[in-house]
Amino acid sequence: MLHSMTHLRSRPIAAGQLRAFEAVARHLNFRAASEELALTQSAVSRQIQSLEEDVGISLFYRHTRAVELTHAGGVLLRAVTPSLERIDGAVRQIRQSAGRKSVSLTTFASFASMWLIPRLEVFQRTHPDIDIRIDASDVSLDLEVSDVDLALRYAPASHVPPHAIRLFGEQITPVASPWLLKSGPRLKKPDDLANFTLIEAGDAHHTHLEWLTWRRWLDDHASPRLEAKRWLYFNYAYQMVQAALTGQGVVLARLPLIAESLASGDLVEPLANMRMNSPLAYWLIVGPRNVARPEVQAFCDWLKEQGAKTREAIGDGPDPDTVDQLD
């Protein structure tokens, strides 16, 4: 009997057992795990029981109406989860290379809608054989384990990895619809803003984006006590700019995201000599497992070209600390 148990505990763990274990540990529920895996609940239970026999220790506490990881189960879960993610990512990469070429990227929603998507048709026209998948989310994904090829991020230089490529920096500037300024009070100096609705991010005062607030801009331009006619708050930059485009107020906008609207005349910059420098920049980060793929290289080259055009449009010079990362 002892020889049999030793033999069992030394053999490799079956991949199916690990899949079942990870699903049960994530849901803490055998029924939910079985539904996800398209197995019967008894089959999942047998997988877990076999795994526990092979490991030699219980991985779950079975309560009457609940399941709880043991200490050993927690240790195993921390090893199994990233391993399965890497395996799944490698399989997806192999499948992609065998089929159509594609590039997947993650970025935040406002950047996707205001900068990337309006330009994307140019890339599609010159590379019709490459599919693009965009994951627009404010959650930063780990490029080493996810199935995303690259990320476009908005951060200070200290918050990005050494291999990140700076696309462009930014300045903050008040902008408005031209017909709002023609039909309303004059806007020639900061104090004139008291006659307008001011638009800003509703949560900026409680996040790392505090410097994006009107109060910060007004402090920098000697109008710390100014009170607006009214305030209009939104969650996302593209919502704020849309409100300005429809004449609902003056927005403190990120220059790279509204450069096209300024060029077309849809928005105007009434206080153009009062731009405020931002400590953040826009970065391209390529996942280490995907950097050599030709389609990823082609898309990155195109992004860097578009970044250079934006730098030129907004008059952005390189940061001293990132000059080596500019093309």
C-alpha atoms as a PDB file:
ATOM      1  CA  MET A   1       0.000   0.000   0.000  1.00  0.00           C
ATOM      2  CA  LEU A   2       2.794   2.419   0.874  1.00  0.00           C
ATOM      3  CA  HIS A   3       4.576   1.574  -2.378  1.00  0.00           C
ATOM      4  CA  SER A   4       1.351   2.244  -4.314  1.00  0.00           C
ATOM      5  CA  MET A   5       0.833   5.681  -2.717  1.00  0.00           C
ATOM      6  CA  THR A   6       4.447   6.638  -3.359  1.00  0.00           C
ATOM      7  CA  HIS A   7       4.061   5.632  -6.969  1.00  0.00           C
ATOM      8  CA  LEU A   8       0.875   7.644  -7.324  1.00  0.00           C
ATOM      9  CA  ARG A   9       2.376  10.770  -5.779  1.00  0.00           C
ATOM     10  CA  SER A  10       5.443  10.771  -7.993  1.00  0.00           C
ATOM     11  CA  ARG A  11       3.690  10.580 -11.346  1.00  0.00           C
ATOM     12  CA  PRO A  12       2.969  13.773 -13.374  1.00  0.00           C
ATOM     13  CA  ILE A  13      -0.290  15.581 -12.664  1.00  0.00           C
ATOM     14  CA  ALA A  14      -2.853  15.298 -15.485  1.00  0.00           C
ATOM     15  CA  ALA A  15      -3.709  18.584 -17.231  1.00  0.00           C
ATOM     16  CA  GLY A  16      -7.428  17.831 -16.947  1.00  0.00           C
ATOM     17  CA  GLN A  17      -7.136  17.653 -13.181  1.00  0.00           C
ATOM     18  CA  LEU A  18      -5.473  21.052 -13.071  1.00  0.00           C
ATOM     19  CA  ARG A  19      -8.205  22.561 -15.279  1.00  0.00           C
ATOM     20  CA  ALA A  20     -10.854  21.197 -12.953  1.00  0.00           C
ATOM     21  CA  PHE A  21      -8.958  22.372  -9.872  1.00  0.00           C
ATOM     22  CA  GLU A  22      -8.518  25.914 -11.226  1.00  0.00           C
ATOM     23  CA  ALA A  23     -12.201  26.191 -12.154  1.00  0.00           C
ATOM     24  CA  VAL A  24     -13.413  24.946  -8.763  1.00  0.00           C
ATOM     25  CA  ALA A  25     -10.926  27.186  -6.930  1.00  0.00           C
ATOM     26  CA  ARG A  26     -12.029  30.217  -8.938  1.00  0.00           C
ATOM     27  CA  HIS A  27     -15.757  29.624  -8.467  1.00  0.00           C
ATOM     28  CA  LEU A  28     -15.507  27.895  -5.061  1.00  0.00           C
ATOM     29  CA  ASN A  29     -18.414  25.876  -6.378  1.00  0.00           C
ATOM     30  CA  PHE A  30     -18.402  22.443  -8.024  1.00  0.00           C
ATOM     31  CA  ARG A  31     -21.600  23.041  -9.956  1.00  0.00           C
ATOM     32  CA  ALA A  32     -20.411  26.311 -11.517  1.00  0.00           C
ATOM     33  CA  ALA A  33     -17.081  24.706 -12.402  1.00  0.00           C
ATOM     34  CA  SER A  34     -18.777  21.740 -14.045  1.00  0.00           C
ATOM     35  CA  GLU A  35     -20.977  24.038 -16.144  1.00  0.00           C
ATOM     36  CA  GLU A  36     -17.940  26.020 -17.292  1.00  0.00           C
ATOM     37  CA  LEU A  37     -16.017  22.867 -18.206  1.00  0.00           C
ATOM     38  CA  ALA A  38     -19.046  21.172 -19.814  1.00  0.00           C
ATOM     39  CA  LEU A  39     -18.641  18.169 -17.498  1.00  0.00           C
ATOM     40  CA  THR A  40     -20.930  16.548 -14.989  1.00  0.00           C
ATOM     41  CA  GLN A  41     -20.496  17.605 -11.393  1.00  0.00           C
ATOM     42  CA  SER A  42     -19.509  14.061 -10.450  1.00  0.00           C
ATOM     43  CA  ALA A  43     -16.806  14.057 -13.151  1.00  0.00           C
ATOM     44  CA  VAL A  44     -15.312  17.268 -11.733  1.00  0.00           C
ATOM     45  CA  SER A  45     -15.466  15.792  -8.224  1.00  0.00           C
ATOM     46  CA  ARG A  46     -13.571  12.705  -9.426  1.00  0.00           C
ATOM     47  CA  GLN A  47     -10.944  14.926 -11.074  1.00  0.00           C
ATOM     48  CA  ILE A  48     -10.385  16.806  -7.817  1.00  0.00           C
ATOM     49  CA  GLN A  49     -10.310  13.605  -5.789  1.00  0.00           C
ATOM     50  CA  SER A  50      -7.723  12.079  -8.131  1.00  0.00           C
ATOM     51  CA  LEU A  51      -5.647  15.263  -7.945  1.00  0.00           C
ATOM     52  CA  GLU A  52      -5.716  15.222  -4.146  1.00  0.00           C
ATOM     53  CA  GLU A  53      -4.645  11.573  -4.154  1.00  0.00           C
ATOM     54  CA  ASP A  54      -1.768  12.361  -6.506  1.00  0.00           C
ATOM     55  CA  VAL A  55      -0.681  15.409  -4.496  1.00  0.00           C
ATOM     56  CA  GLY A  56      -1.136  13.578  -1.211  1.00  0.00           C
ATOM     57  CA  ILE A  57      -3.152  16.208   0.645  1.00  0.00           C
ATOM     58  CA  SER A  58      -6.596  17.780   0.631  1.00  0.00           C
ATOM     59  CA  LEU A  59      -6.911  20.902  -1.511  1.00  0.00           C
ATOM     60  CA  PHE A  60     -10.425  21.938  -0.446  1.00  0.00           C
ATOM     61  CA  TYR A  61     -12.475  22.032   2.701  1.00  0.00           C
ATOM     62  CA  ARG A  62     -15.925  20.669   1.841  1.00  0.00           C
ATOM     63  CA  HIS A  63     -18.582  22.411   3.912  1.00  0.00           C
ATOM     64  CA  THR A  64     -22.297  21.702   3.686  1.00  0.00           C
ATOM     65  CA  ARG A  65     -23.034  24.596   1.336  1.00  0.00           C
ATOM     66  CA  ALA A  66     -19.615  25.946   0.485  1.00  0.00           C
ATOM     67  CA  VAL A  67     -16.128  25.029  -0.704  1.00  0.00           C
ATOM     68  CA  GLU A  68     -12.957  26.592   0.699  1.00  0.00           C
ATOM     69  CA  LEU A  69      -9.331  26.269  -0.370  1.00  0.00           C
ATOM     70  CA  THR A  70      -6.908  24.726   2.083  1.00  0.00           C
ATOM     71  CA  HIS A  71      -3.478  26.262   2.531  1.00  0.00           C
ATOM     72  CA  ALA A  72      -2.073  23.650   0.132  1.00  0.00           C
ATOM     73  CA  GLY A  73      -4.829  24.468  -2.348  1.00  0.00           C
ATOM     74  CA  GLY A  74      -3.885  28.141  -2.246  1.00  0.00           C
ATOM     75  CA  VAL A  75      -0.225  27.316  -2.898  1.00  0.00           C
ATOM     76  CA  LEU A  76      -1.155  25.145  -5.882  1.00  0.00           C
ATOM     77  CA  LEU A  77      -3.599  27.717  -7.278  1.00  0.00           C
ATOM     78  CA  ARG A  78      -0.912  30.421  -7.337  1.00  0.00           C
ATOM     79  CA  ALA A  79       1.211  28.149  -9.520  1.00  0.00           C
ATOM     80  CA  VAL A  80      -1.550  26.739 -11.711  1.00  0.00           C
ATOM     81  CA  THR A  81      -3.306  29.989 -12.716  1.00  0.00           C
ATOM     82  CA  PRO A  82      -0.378  31.724 -14.500  1.00  0.00           C
ATOM     83  CA  SER A  83       0.758  28.422 -15.996  1.00  0.00           C
ATOM     84  CA  LEU A  84      -2.613  27.771 -17.610  1.00  0.00           C
ATOM     85  CA  GLU A  85      -2.774  31.376 -18.843  1.00  0.00           C
ATOM     86  CA  ARG A  86       0.631  30.989 -20.506  1.00  0.00           C
ATOM     87  CA  ILE A  87      -0.414  27.705 -22.107  1.00  0.00           C
ATOM     88  CA  ASP A  88      -3.654  29.211 -23.397  1.00  0.00           C
ATOM     89  CA  GLY A  89      -1.789  32.236 -24.711  1.00  0.00           C
ATOM     90  CA  ALA A  90       0.718  30.052 -26.542  1.00  0.00           C
ATOM     91  CA  VAL A  91      -2.082  27.988 -28.100  1.00  0.00           C
ATOM     92  CA  ARG A  92      -3.879  31.132 -29.258  1.00  0.00           C
ATOM     93  CA  GLN A  93      -0.658  32.408 -30.781  1.00  0.00           C
ATOM     94  CA  ILE A  94      -0.115  29.127 -32.639  1.00  0.00           C
ATOM     95  CA  ARG A  95      -3.685  29.179 -33.918  1.00  0.00           C
ATOM     96  CA  GLN A  96      -3.292  32.759 -35.102  1.00  0.00           C
ATOM     97  CA  SER A  97      -0.082  31.971 -36.980  1.00  0.00           C
ATOM     98  CA  ALA A  98      -1.818  29.073 -38.697  1.00  0.00           C
ATOM     99  CA  GLY A  99      -4.781  31.187 -39.820  1.00  0.00           C
ATOM    100  CA  ARG A 100      -5.325  34.856 -40.611  1.00  0.00           C
ATOM    101  CA  LYS A 101      -2.800  37.370 -39.368  1.00  0.00           C
ATOM    102  CA  SER A 102      -4.108  39.518 -36.534  1.00  0.00           C
ATOM    103  CA  VAL A 103      -2.915  42.055 -33.974  1.00  0.00           C
ATOM    104  CA  SER A 104      -4.624  42.564 -30.623  1.00  0.00           C
ATOM    105  CA  LEU A 105      -4.086  45.595 -28.425  1.00  0.00           C
ATOM    106  CA  THR A 106      -5.339  47.073 -25.196  1.00  0.00           C
ATOM    107  CA  THR A 107      -5.822  50.757 -24.456  1.00  0.00           C
ATOM    108  CA  PHE A 108      -8.194  53.015 -22.544  1.00  0.00           C
ATOM    109  CA  ALA A 109     -11.584  53.834 -24.065  1.00  0.00           C
ATOM    110  CA  SER A 110     -11.103  57.573 -24.667  1.00  0.00           C
ATOM    111  CA  PHE A 111      -7.811  57.066 -26.476  1.00  0.00           C
ATOM    112  CA  ALA A 112      -9.319  54.324 -28.627  1.00  0.00           C
ATOM    113  CA  SER A 113     -12.313  56.418 -29.681  1.00  0.00           C
ATOM    114  CA  MET A 114     -10.599  59.810 -30.024  1.00  0.00           C
ATOM    115  CA  TRP A 115      -7.159  58.986 -31.436  1.00  0.00           C
ATOM    116  CA  LEU A 116      -6.790  55.382 -32.600  1.00  0.00           C
ATOM    117  CA  ILE A 117     -10.059  54.493 -34.326  1.00  0.00           C
ATOM    118  CA  PRO A 118     -10.256  57.644 -36.520  1.00  0.00           C
ATOM    119  CA  ARG A 119      -6.818  56.761 -37.931  1.00  0.00           C
ATOM    120  CA  LEU A 120      -7.276  53.004 -38.186  1.00  0.00           C
ATOM    121  CA  GLU A 121      -8.760  53.048 -41.676  1.00  0.00           C
ATOM    122  CA  VAL A 122      -5.367  54.158 -43.015  1.00  0.00           C
ATOM    123  CA  PHE A 123      -3.702  51.036 -41.651  1.00  0.00           C
ATOM    124  CA  GLN A 124      -6.509  48.787 -42.867  1.00  0.00           C
ATOM    125  CA  ARG A 125      -6.232  50.219 -46.359  1.00  0.00           C
ATOM    126  CA  THR A 126      -2.490  49.534 -46.561  1.00  0.00           C
ATOM    127  CA  HIS A 127      -2.608  46.181 -44.717  1.00  0.00           C
ATOM    128  CA  PRO A 128      -5.899  44.508 -45.718  1.00  0.00           C
ATOM    129  CA  ASP A 129      -4.583  41.082 -44.695  1.00  0.00           C
ATOM    130  CA  ILE A 130      -4.163  41.988 -40.992  1.00  0.00           C
ATOM    131  CA  ASP A 131      -7.111  41.891 -38.612  1.00  0.00           C
ATOM    132  CA  ILE A 132      -7.134  44.269 -35.618  1.00  0.00           C
ATOM    133  CA  ARG A 133      -8.750  43.509 -32.253  1.00  0.00           C
ATOM    134  CA  ILE A 134      -9.048  46.347 -29.715  1.00  0.00           C
ATOM    135  CA  ASP A 135      -9.699  45.776 -26.013  1.00  0.00           C
ATOM    136  CA  ALA A 136     -10.763  49.220 -24.746  1.00  0.00           C
ATOM    137  CA  SER A 137     -10.508  49.068 -20.970  1.00  0.00           C
ATOM    138  CA  ASP A 138      -9.056  51.103 -18.126  1.00  0.00           C
ATOM    139  CA  VAL A 139      -7.651  47.896 -16.608  1.00  0.00           C
ATOM    140  CA  SER A 140      -3.965  47.302 -17.406  1.00  0.00           C
ATOM    141  CA  LEU A 141      -3.326  43.808 -18.729  1.00  0.00           C
ATOM    142  CA  ASP A 142      -0.130  41.836 -18.155  1.00  0.00           C
ATOM    143  CA  LEU A 143       1.320  41.401 -21.650  1.00  0.00           C
ATOM    144  CA  GLU A 144       3.469  38.490 -20.525  1.00  0.00           C
ATOM    145  CA  VAL A 145       0.503  36.231 -19.774  1.00  0.00           C
ATOM    146  CA  SER A 146      -2.465  37.704 -21.680  1.00  0.00           C
ATOM    147  CA  ASP A 147      -3.291  37.054 -25.328  1.00  0.00           C
ATOM    148  CA  VAL A 148      -2.879  40.769 -26.143  1.00  0.00           C
ATOM    149  CA  ASP A 149       0.041  41.719 -28.398  1.00  0.00           C
ATOM    150  CA  LEU A 150       0.605  45.325 -27.374  1.00  0.00           C
ATOM    151  CA  ALA A 151      -0.673  48.130 -25.161  1.00  0.00           C
ATOM    152  CA  LEU A 152      -1.149  51.861 -25.656  1.00  0.00           C
ATOM    153  CA  ARG A 153      -0.911  53.457 -22.227  1.00  0.00           C
ATOM    154  CA  TYR A 154      -1.186  56.892 -20.665  1.00  0.00           C
ATOM    155  CA  ALA A 155       1.278  57.372 -17.822  1.00  0.00           C
ATOM    156  CA  PRO A 156       4.357  59.226 -16.565  1.00  0.00           C
ATOM    157  CA  ALA A 157       7.708  57.819 -17.661  1.00  0.00           C
ATOM    158  CA  SER A 158       8.273  56.357 -14.199  1.00  0.00           C
ATOM    159  CA  HIS A 159       5.211  54.101 -14.575  1.00  0.00           C
ATOM    160  CA  VAL A 160       6.104  52.311 -17.818  1.00  0.00           C
ATOM    161  CA  PRO A 161       8.737  49.600 -18.479  1.00  0.00           C
ATOM    162  CA  PRO A 162      12.159  50.533 -19.896  1.00  0.00           C
ATOM    163  CA  HIS A 163      11.295  49.190 -23.364  1.00  0.00           C
ATOM    164  CA  ALA A 164       8.181  51.389 -23.691  1.00  0.00           C
ATOM    165  CA  ILE A 165       8.175  53.680 -26.733  1.00  0.00           C
ATOM    166  CA  ARG A 166       7.002  57.244 -26.182  1.00  0.00           C
ATOM    167  CA  LEU A 167       4.535  58.183 -28.913  1.00  0.00           C
ATOM    168  CA  PHE A 168       3.915  61.753 -27.760  1.00  0.00           C
ATOM    169  CA  GLY A 169       3.430  63.925 -24.692  1.00  0.00           C
ATOM    170  CA  GLU A 170       0.585  66.320 -24.117  1.00  0.00           C
ATOM    171  CA  GLN A 171      -0.561  69.735 -23.019  1.00  0.00           C
ATOM    172  CA  ILE A 172      -3.879  70.711 -21.466  1.00  0.00           C
ATOM    173  CA  THR A 173      -5.835  73.579 -23.023  1.00  0.00           C
ATOM    174  CA  PRO A 174      -9.335  75.118 -22.844  1.00  0.00           C
ATOM    175  CA  VAL A 175     -11.406  74.468 -26.000  1.00  0.00           C
ATOM    176  CA  ALA A 176     -14.984  75.141 -27.058  1.00  0.00           C
ATOM    177  CA  SER A 177     -17.323  75.069 -30.019  1.00  0.00           C
ATOM    178  CA  PRO A 178     -16.805  78.122 -32.252  1.00  0.00           C
ATOM    179  CA  TRP A 179     -20.518  78.924 -32.333  1.00  0.00           C
ATOM    180  CA  LEU A 180     -20.653  78.919 -28.525  1.00  0.00           C
ATOM    181  CA  LEU A 181     -17.991  81.627 -28.459  1.00  0.00           C
ATOM    182  CA  LYS A 182     -19.670  83.603 -31.236  1.00  0.00           C
ATOM    183  CA  SER A 183     -23.093  83.549 -29.605  1.00  0.00           C
ATOM    184  CA  GLY A 184     -22.022  83.883 -25.968  1.00  0.00           C
ATOM    185  CA  PRO A 185     -19.837  86.123 -23.807  1.00  0.00           C
ATOM    186  CA  ARG A 186     -16.306  86.891 -24.884  1.00  0.00           C
ATOM    187  CA  LEU A 187     -13.480  84.625 -23.770  1.00  0.00           C
ATOM    188  CA  LYS A 188     -10.195  86.518 -23.932  1.00  0.00           C
ATOM    189  CA  LYS A 189      -8.694  85.902 -20.488  1.00  0.00           C
ATOM    190  CA  PRO A 190      -9.032  83.320 -17.680  1.00  0.00           C
ATOM    191  CA  ASP A 191     -11.435  85.479 -15.637  1.00  0.00           C
ATOM    192  CA  ASP A 192     -13.920  85.380 -18.544  1.00  0.00           C
ATOM    193  CA  LEU A 193     -14.444  81.668 -17.838  1.00  0.00           C
ATOM    194  CA  ALA A 194     -16.755  82.709 -14.977  1.00  0.00           C
ATOM    195  CA  ASN A 195     -19.434  83.340 -17.625  1.00  0.00           C
ATOM    196  CA  PHE A 196     -19.336  79.792 -18.999  1.00  0.00           C
ATOM    197  CA  THR A 197     -20.208  76.234 -18.059  1.00  0.00           C
ATOM    198  CA  LEU A 198     -16.945  74.395 -17.355  1.00  0.00           C
ATOM    199  CA  ILE A 199     -16.654  70.714 -18.227  1.00  0.00           C
ATOM    200  CA  GLU A 200     -14.341  68.280 -16.459  1.00  0.00           C
ATOM    201  CA  ALA A 201     -13.917  64.693 -15.253  1.00  0.00           C
ATOM    202  CA  GLY A 202     -16.149  63.938 -12.285  1.00  0.00           C
ATOM    203  CA  ASP A 203     -13.587  61.795 -10.481  1.00  0.00           C
ATOM    204  CA  ALA A 204     -10.433  63.767 -11.327  1.00  0.00           C
ATOM    205  CA  HIS A 205     -10.257  65.335  -7.845  1.00  0.00           C
ATOM    206  CA  HIS A 206     -10.088  61.879  -6.268  1.00  0.00           C
ATOM    207  CA  THR A 207      -7.559  60.207  -8.597  1.00  0.00           C
ATOM    208  CA  HIS A 208      -4.025  60.598  -9.926  1.00  0.00           C
ATOM    209  CA  LEU A 209      -5.523  62.816 -12.671  1.00  0.00           C
ATOM    210  CA  GLU A 210      -6.051  65.743 -10.291  1.00  0.00           C
ATOM    211  CA  TRP A 211      -3.812  67.922 -12.436  1.00  0.00           C
ATOM    212  CA  LEU A 212      -6.470  67.641 -15.220  1.00  0.00           C
ATOM    213  CA  THR A 213      -8.923  69.736 -13.199  1.00  0.00           C
ATOM    214  CA  TRP A 214      -9.974  73.278 -13.927  1.00  0.00           C
ATOM    215  CA  ARG A 215      -8.913  74.237 -10.410  1.00  0.00           C
ATOM    216  CA  ARG A 216      -5.327  73.241 -11.198  1.00  0.00           C
ATOM    217  CA  TRP A 217      -5.362  75.190 -14.473  1.00  0.00           C
ATOM    218  CA  LEU A 218      -6.941  78.246 -12.847  1.00  0.00           C
ATOM    219  CA  ASP A 219      -4.375  78.164 -10.040  1.00  0.00           C
ATOM    220  CA  ASP A 220      -1.603  78.181 -12.636  1.00  0.00           C
ATOM    221  CA  HIS A 221      -3.168  81.170 -14.398  1.00  0.00           C
ATOM    222  CA  ALA A 222      -3.742  83.432 -11.411  1.00  0.00           C
ATOM    223  CA  SER A 223      -7.492  82.846 -11.086  1.00  0.00           C
ATOM    224  CA  PRO A 224      -7.725  80.558  -8.028  1.00  0.00           C
ATOM    225  CA  ARG A 225     -11.035  82.007  -6.745  1.00  0.00           C
ATOM    226  CA  LEU A 226     -12.938  81.917 -10.037  1.00  0.00           C
ATOM    227  CA  GLU A 227     -16.372  80.272  -9.882  1.00  0.00           C
ATOM    228  CA  ALA A 228     -17.941  78.966 -13.070  1.00  0.00           C
ATOM    229  CA  LYS A 229     -21.473  79.774 -14.217  1.00  0.00           C
ATOM    230  CA  ARG A 230     -22.143  76.052 -13.734  1.00  0.00           C
ATOM    231  CA  TRP A 231     -20.266  72.733 -13.856  1.00  0.00           C
ATOM    232  CA  LEU A 232     -20.744  69.689 -16.059  1.00  0.00           C
ATOM    233  CA  TYR A 233     -19.054  66.423 -15.113  1.00  0.00           C
ATOM    234  CA  PHE A 234     -18.408  63.230 -17.118  1.00  0.00           C
ATOM    235  CA  ASN A 235     -16.529  59.974 -16.602  1.00  0.00           C
ATOM    236  CA  TYR A 236     -14.575  59.883 -19.860  1.00  0.00           C
ATOM    237  CA  ALA A 237     -12.594  62.341 -21.967  1.00  0.00           C
ATOM    238  CA  TYR A 238     -14.552  61.586 -25.133  1.00  0.00           C
ATOM    239  CA  GLN A 239     -17.820  62.425 -23.326  1.00  0.00           C
ATOM    240  CA  MET A 240     -16.364  65.731 -22.171  1.00  0.00           C
ATOM    241  CA  VAL A 241     -15.207  66.654 -25.673  1.00  0.00           C
ATOM    242  CA  GLN A 242     -18.536  65.604 -27.188  1.00  0.00           C
ATOM    243  CA  ALA A 243     -20.301  67.978 -24.812  1.00  0.00           C
ATOM    244  CA  ALA A 244     -17.967  70.783 -25.901  1.00  0.00           C
ATOM    245  CA  LEU A 245     -18.534  69.980 -29.583  1.00  0.00           C
ATOM    246  CA  THR A 246     -22.271  70.443 -29.071  1.00  0.00           C
ATOM    247  CA  GLY A 247     -21.765  73.825 -27.398  1.00  0.00           C
ATOM    248  CA  GLN A 248     -22.553  72.828 -23.823  1.00  0.00           C
ATOM    249  CA  GLY A 249     -19.507  74.480 -22.291  1.00  0.00           C
ATOM    250  CA  VAL A 250     -15.738  74.894 -22.253  1.00  0.00           C
ATOM    251  CA  VAL A 251     -13.639  71.798 -21.627  1.00  0.00           C
ATOM    252  CA  LEU A 252     -10.070  71.523 -20.411  1.00  0.00           C
ATOM    253  CA  ALA A 253      -8.941  69.062 -23.066  1.00  0.00           C
ATOM    254  CA  ARG A 254      -5.894  66.906 -23.738  1.00  0.00           C
ATOM    255  CA  LEU A 255      -4.335  68.416 -26.828  1.00  0.00           C
ATOM    256  CA  PRO A 256      -3.306  65.177 -28.617  1.00  0.00           C
ATOM    257  CA  LEU A 257      -6.868  63.857 -28.411  1.00  0.00           C
ATOM    258  CA  ILE A 258      -8.496  66.944 -29.946  1.00  0.00           C
ATOM    259  CA  ALA A 259      -5.805  68.000 -32.463  1.00  0.00           C
ATOM    260  CA  GLU A 260      -7.955  66.831 -35.402  1.00  0.00           C
ATOM    261  CA  SER A 261     -10.988  68.759 -34.126  1.00  0.00           C
ATOM    262  CA  LEU A 262      -8.864  71.898 -33.800  1.00  0.00           C
ATOM    263  CA  ALA A 263      -7.461  71.438 -37.309  1.00  0.00           C
ATOM    264  CA  SER A 264     -10.953  71.023 -38.778  1.00  0.00           C
ATOM    265  CA  GLY A 265     -12.365  74.002 -36.865  1.00  0.00           C
ATOM    266  CA  ASP A 266     -14.923  71.921 -34.978  1.00  0.00           C
ATOM    267  CA  LEU A 267     -13.272  73.150 -31.787  1.00  0.00           C
ATOM    268  CA  VAL A 268     -11.336  76.357 -31.160  1.00  0.00           C
ATOM    269  CA  GLU A 269      -8.683  77.203 -28.585  1.00  0.00           C
ATOM    270  CA  PRO A 270      -9.569  80.683 -27.255  1.00  0.00           C
ATOM    271  CA  LEU A 271      -6.608  80.852 -24.822  1.00  0.00           C
ATOM    272  CA  ALA A 272      -3.974  79.200 -26.995  1.00  0.00           C
ATOM    273  CA  ASN A 273      -1.082  80.930 -25.230  1.00  0.00           C
ATOM    274  CA  MET A 274      -2.110  79.422 -21.886  1.00  0.00           C
ATOM    275  CA  ARG A 275      -1.538  75.730 -22.445  1.00  0.00           C
ATOM    276  CA  MET A 276      -0.472  73.719 -19.397  1.00  0.00           C
ATOM    277  CA  ASN A 277       2.168  71.015 -19.680  1.00  0.00           C
ATOM    278  CA  SER A 278       1.144  67.529 -18.578  1.00  0.00           C
ATOM    279  CA  PRO A 279       3.413  65.164 -16.634  1.00  0.00           C
ATOM    280  CA  LEU A 280       1.973  62.202 -18.549  1.00  0.00           C
ATOM    281  CA  ALA A 281       2.652  60.847 -22.019  1.00  0.00           C
ATOM    282  CA  TYR A 282       1.257  58.218 -24.393  1.00  0.00           C
ATOM    283  CA  TRP A 283       3.280  55.021 -24.723  1.00  0.00           C
ATOM    284  CA  LEU A 284       3.500  51.958 -26.943  1.00  0.00           C
ATOM    285  CA  ILE A 285       4.403  48.746 -25.109  1.00  0.00           C
ATOM    286  CA  VAL A 286       4.865  45.492 -27.029  1.00  0.00           C
ATOM    287  CA  GLY A 287       4.427  42.100 -25.375  1.00  0.00           C
ATOM    288  CA  PRO A 288       7.734  40.181 -25.254  1.00  0.00           C
ATOM    289  CA  ARG A 289       6.219  37.064 -26.858  1.00  0.00           C
ATOM    290  CA  ASN A 290       4.922  38.963 -29.890  1.00  0.00           C
ATOM    291  CA  VAL A 291       7.566  41.508 -30.775  1.00  0.00           C
ATOM    292  CA  ALA A 292       9.049  39.415 -33.631  1.00  0.00           C
ATOM    293  CA  ARG A 293       5.769  38.728 -35.469  1.00  0.00           C
ATOM    294  CA  PRO A 294       5.747  40.617 -38.818  1.00  0.00           C
ATOM    295  CA  GLU A 295       2.140  41.804 -38.423  1.00  0.00           C
ATOM    296  CA  VAL A 296       2.892  43.198 -34.960  1.00  0.00           C
ATOM    297  CA  GLN A 297       5.992  44.938 -36.287  1.00  0.00           C
ATOM    298  CA  ALA A 298       3.968  46.440 -39.151  1.00  0.00           C
ATOM    299  CA  PHE A 299       1.307  47.780 -36.793  1.00  0.00           C
ATOM    300  CA  CYS A 300       3.914  49.190 -34.395  1.00  0.00           C
ATOM    301  CA  ASP A 301       5.693  50.950 -37.275  1.00  0.00           C
ATOM    302  CA  TRP A 302       2.379  52.477 -38.312  1.00  0.00           C
ATOM    303  CA  LEU A 303       1.629  53.582 -34.742  1.00  0.00           C
ATOM    304  CA  LYS A 304       5.011  55.278 -34.510  1.00  0.00           C
ATOM    305  CA  GLU A 305       4.366  57.076 -37.810  1.00  0.00           C
ATOM    306  CA  GLN A 306       1.014  58.296 -36.535  1.00  0.00           C
ATOM    307  CA  GLY A 307       2.635  59.310 -33.270  1.00  0.00           C
ATOM    308  CA  ALA A 308       5.200  61.409 -35.140  1.00  0.00           C
ATOM    309  CA  LYS A 309       2.388  63.187 -37.005  1.00  0.00           C
ATOM    310  CA  THR A 310       0.627  63.954 -33.732  1.00  0.00           C
ATOM    311  CA  ARG A 311       3.850  65.285 -32.211  1.00  0.00           C
ATOM    312  CA  GLU A 312       4.226  67.601 -35.181  1.00  0.00           C
ATOM    313  CA  ALA A 313       0.571  68.705 -35.019  1.00  0.00           C
ATOM    314  CA  ILE A 314       0.737  69.668 -31.342  1.00  0.00           C
ATOM    315  CA  GLY A 315       4.307  70.983 -31.361  1.00  0.00           C
ATOM    316  CA  ASP A 316       5.490  68.320 -28.964  1.00  0.00           C
ATOM    317  CA  GLY A 317       9.215  68.025 -28.385  1.00  0.00           C
ATOM    318  CA  PRO A 318      10.907  64.964 -26.893  1.00  0.00           C
ATOM    319  CA  ASP A 319      11.284  64.618 -23.152  1.00  0.00           C
ATOM    320  CA  PRO A 320      14.956  64.619 -22.079  1.00  0.00           C
ATOM    321  CA  ASP A 321      14.547  61.224 -20.398  1.00  0.00           C
ATOM    322  CA  THR A 322      12.942  59.582 -23.417  1.00  0.00           C
ATOM    323  CA  VAL A 323      14.814  61.059 -26.358  1.00  0.00           C
ATOM    324  CA  ASP A 324      16.370  57.662 -27.145  1.00  0.00           C
ATOM    325  CA  GLN A 325      12.899  56.145 -27.550  1.00  0.00           C
ATOM    326  CA  LEU A 326      11.717  58.523 -30.256  1.00  0.00           C
ATOM    327  CA  ASP A 327      12.032  57.767 -33.970  1.00  0.00           C
END
